[in-house]
Amino acid sequence: MYVENKDGTLDGIEGRIGWVTFSKTGKTVYYRNRTLYKSKQAIRGNFVDEHTGEAYWVSGVKKRGSNAHWAERPGIKVDDDAVEVYSRIRKGELA
């Protein structure tokens, strides 16, 4: 998934592509020791960090590479453990 911190960075990077886990309801996302809850306001992001209140944008990885929120173009890093699968998605090998 593509994860972008709308209020700052994720370990020094504005946006990251990596593995997330969803709760059974899909209203909670777990990523890199963060718990992100579905936002009720959805003004700048669709999730909010449980501890910091920061807004996050979480979306699926796109084959064309335009993963960032349409209104911004942040710096993006692919997590080391997701590089191979992300590369295959970009090449059209995975849907």
C-alpha atoms as a PDB file:
ATOM      1  CA  MET A   1       0.000   0.000   0.000  1.00  0.00           C
ATOM      2  CA  TYR A   2       0.990   3.625  -0.410  1.00  0.00           C
ATOM      3  CA  VAL A   3       1.118   5.502   2.931  1.00  0.00           C
ATOM      4  CA  GLU A   4       1.665   9.256   3.124  1.00  0.00           C
ATOM      5  CA  ASN A   5       1.894  11.394   6.254  1.00  0.00           C
ATOM      6  CA  LYS A   6      -0.014  14.596   5.456  1.00  0.00           C
ATOM      7  CA  ASP A   7       1.443  16.351   8.512  1.00  0.00           C
ATOM      8  CA  GLY A   8       5.103  15.395   8.259  1.00  0.00           C
ATOM      9  CA  THR A   9       7.215  12.393   7.375  1.00  0.00           C
ATOM     10  CA  LEU A  10       7.378   8.638   7.880  1.00  0.00           C
ATOM     11  CA  ASP A  11      10.877   8.028   9.197  1.00  0.00           C
ATOM     12  CA  GLY A  12      12.225  10.966   7.182  1.00  0.00           C
ATOM     13  CA  ILE A  13      10.241  10.285   3.977  1.00  0.00           C
ATOM     14  CA  GLU A  14       6.934  11.945   3.052  1.00  0.00           C
ATOM     15  CA  GLY A  15       5.407   8.875   1.414  1.00  0.00           C
ATOM     16  CA  ARG A  16       6.224   5.172   1.567  1.00  0.00           C
ATOM     17  CA  ILE A  17       5.167   2.034  -0.241  1.00  0.00           C
ATOM     18  CA  GLY A  18       5.067  -1.007   1.995  1.00  0.00           C
ATOM     19  CA  TRP A  19       3.064  -3.749   3.633  1.00  0.00           C
ATOM     20  CA  VAL A  20       0.128  -2.817   5.862  1.00  0.00           C
ATOM     21  CA  THR A  21      -2.323  -4.881   7.861  1.00  0.00           C
ATOM     22  CA  PHE A  22      -6.013  -4.028   8.075  1.00  0.00           C
ATOM     23  CA  SER A  23      -8.373  -4.741  10.940  1.00  0.00           C
ATOM     24  CA  LYS A  24     -11.326  -7.043  10.215  1.00  0.00           C
ATOM     25  CA  THR A  25     -13.564  -4.025   9.631  1.00  0.00           C
ATOM     26  CA  GLY A  26     -11.005  -2.213   7.455  1.00  0.00           C
ATOM     27  CA  LYS A  27     -11.324   0.881   9.627  1.00  0.00           C
ATOM     28  CA  THR A  28      -7.862   0.489  11.151  1.00  0.00           C
ATOM     29  CA  VAL A  29      -4.532   0.190   9.335  1.00  0.00           C
ATOM     30  CA  TYR A  30      -1.323  -0.992  10.994  1.00  0.00           C
ATOM     31  CA  TYR A  31       1.927   0.180   9.415  1.00  0.00           C
ATOM     32  CA  ARG A  32       5.476   0.373  10.815  1.00  0.00           C
ATOM     33  CA  ASN A  33       4.354   0.302  14.457  1.00  0.00           C
ATOM     34  CA  ARG A  34       1.622   2.868  13.800  1.00  0.00           C
ATOM     35  CA  THR A  35      -2.093   2.425  14.331  1.00  0.00           C
ATOM     36  CA  LEU A  36      -4.112   4.506  11.890  1.00  0.00           C
ATOM     37  CA  TYR A  37      -7.854   4.894  12.353  1.00  0.00           C
ATOM     38  CA  LYS A  38     -10.340   5.759   9.605  1.00  0.00           C
ATOM     39  CA  SER A  39     -10.853   9.527   9.607  1.00  0.00           C
ATOM     40  CA  LYS A  40     -14.346  10.842  10.204  1.00  0.00           C
ATOM     41  CA  GLN A  41     -13.522  14.207   8.601  1.00  0.00           C
ATOM     42  CA  ALA A  42     -11.399  13.068   5.623  1.00  0.00           C
ATOM     43  CA  ILE A  43     -10.253  16.590   4.794  1.00  0.00           C
ATOM     44  CA  ARG A  44      -6.553  15.966   4.085  1.00  0.00           C
ATOM     45  CA  GLY A  45      -6.209  12.239   4.651  1.00  0.00           C
ATOM     46  CA  ASN A  46      -8.340   9.190   5.086  1.00  0.00           C
ATOM     47  CA  PHE A  47      -6.705   7.903   8.301  1.00  0.00           C
ATOM     48  CA  VAL A  48      -5.496   9.469  11.568  1.00  0.00           C
ATOM     49  CA  ASP A  49      -2.618   8.255  13.759  1.00  0.00           C
ATOM     50  CA  GLU A  50      -3.888   6.922  17.081  1.00  0.00           C
ATOM     51  CA  HIS A  51      -1.096   8.543  19.123  1.00  0.00           C
ATOM     52  CA  THR A  52      -0.156  11.741  17.272  1.00  0.00           C
ATOM     53  CA  GLY A  53      -3.418  12.745  15.572  1.00  0.00           C
ATOM     54  CA  GLU A  54      -1.519  13.253  12.293  1.00  0.00           C
ATOM     55  CA  ALA A  55      -3.466  12.767   9.055  1.00  0.00           C
ATOM     56  CA  TYR A  56      -2.452   9.950   6.686  1.00  0.00           C
ATOM     57  CA  TRP A  57      -3.371   9.096   3.108  1.00  0.00           C
ATOM     58  CA  VAL A  58      -3.465   5.320   2.505  1.00  0.00           C
ATOM     59  CA  SER A  59      -4.197   3.907  -0.939  1.00  0.00           C
ATOM     60  CA  GLY A  60      -3.467   0.955  -3.146  1.00  0.00           C
ATOM     61  CA  VAL A  61      -0.330   0.847  -5.251  1.00  0.00           C
ATOM     62  CA  LYS A  62      -0.966   1.902  -8.840  1.00  0.00           C
ATOM     63  CA  LYS A  63       0.685   0.345 -11.865  1.00  0.00           C
ATOM     64  CA  ARG A  64       1.295   3.749 -13.464  1.00  0.00           C
ATOM     65  CA  GLY A  65       3.180   4.877 -10.338  1.00  0.00           C
ATOM     66  CA  SER A  66       0.939   7.830  -9.451  1.00  0.00           C
ATOM     67  CA  ASN A  67       0.496   6.705  -5.866  1.00  0.00           C
ATOM     68  CA  ALA A  68       0.573  10.083  -4.124  1.00  0.00           C
ATOM     69  CA  HIS A  69      -2.567  12.016  -3.329  1.00  0.00           C
ATOM     70  CA  TRP A  70      -3.641  13.903  -6.461  1.00  0.00           C
ATOM     71  CA  ALA A  71      -3.044  17.305  -4.847  1.00  0.00           C
ATOM     72  CA  GLU A  72       0.611  16.713  -3.900  1.00  0.00           C
ATOM     73  CA  ARG A  73       3.808  15.094  -5.171  1.00  0.00           C
ATOM     74  CA  PRO A  74       5.899  14.083  -2.147  1.00  0.00           C
ATOM     75  CA  GLY A  75       9.174  12.174  -2.062  1.00  0.00           C
ATOM     76  CA  ILE A  76       8.415   8.435  -1.935  1.00  0.00           C
ATOM     77  CA  LYS A  77      10.446   5.416  -0.773  1.00  0.00           C
ATOM     78  CA  VAL A  78       9.578   1.779  -1.272  1.00  0.00           C
ATOM     79  CA  ASP A  79      10.208  -0.314   1.844  1.00  0.00           C
ATOM     80  CA  ASP A  80      12.954  -2.876   1.331  1.00  0.00           C
ATOM     81  CA  ASP A  81      10.618  -5.824   1.894  1.00  0.00           C
ATOM     82  CA  ALA A  82       8.153  -4.528  -0.728  1.00  0.00           C
ATOM     83  CA  VAL A  83      10.532  -3.659  -3.593  1.00  0.00           C
ATOM     84  CA  GLU A  84      10.145  -6.921  -5.518  1.00  0.00           C
ATOM     85  CA  VAL A  85       6.344  -6.990  -5.457  1.00  0.00           C
ATOM     86  CA  TYR A  86       6.103  -3.260  -6.238  1.00  0.00           C
ATOM     87  CA  SER A  87       8.407  -3.753  -9.234  1.00  0.00           C
ATOM     88  CA  ARG A  88       6.190  -6.573 -10.494  1.00  0.00           C
ATOM     89  CA  ILE A  89       3.081  -4.389 -10.121  1.00  0.00           C
ATOM     90  CA  ARG A  90       4.724  -1.588 -12.125  1.00  0.00           C
ATOM     91  CA  LYS A  91       5.670  -4.065 -14.867  1.00  0.00           C
ATOM     92  CA  GLY A  92       2.074  -5.271 -15.066  1.00  0.00           C
ATOM     93  CA  GLU A  93       2.886  -8.752 -13.801  1.00  0.00           C
ATOM     94  CA  LEU A  94       0.456  -8.409 -10.862  1.00  0.00           C
ATOM     95  CA  ALA A  95      -2.977  -6.810 -10.826  1.00  0.00           C
END
